[in-house]
């Protein structure tokens, strides 16, 4: 006796009905800074970032500085208040960041880690001969 699977007997819904209720997927649309390209889902990503604790938001900012020279310059050389505020960093954290003496992203990130995670140890990579 042949029986049909119940799922095969279910009518297929129109994709317009299914997709009309979907939440947009998170999209990190912030480059070029500050407007990005206006992609759908950028609000979802920003809501996620701003829902994180301050340390994680700072980590996201450092990661972004690795990807984009303009962000790196705004962070390392200018400690741009608009950039820091956009990532939801408190006035206390902004003041602390502005007091760090660093001329490149590596030194800035090391100073941040030294303060926020003093037990962390760096191991220098040996250059290939």
Foldseek 3Di string as FASTA:
>chain_A
DDDDDPVVVDDDDDVCVVPVPDQDDADCQCPVPRPGPPDRRPVVNLVVQLVDDQVSLVVVLLVVVVVDVVSQCCCQVVLPPVVCVSSVHDPVVSVVLVPQDDNGSVSSVVVVCCVVPVVDDDDDDDDDD
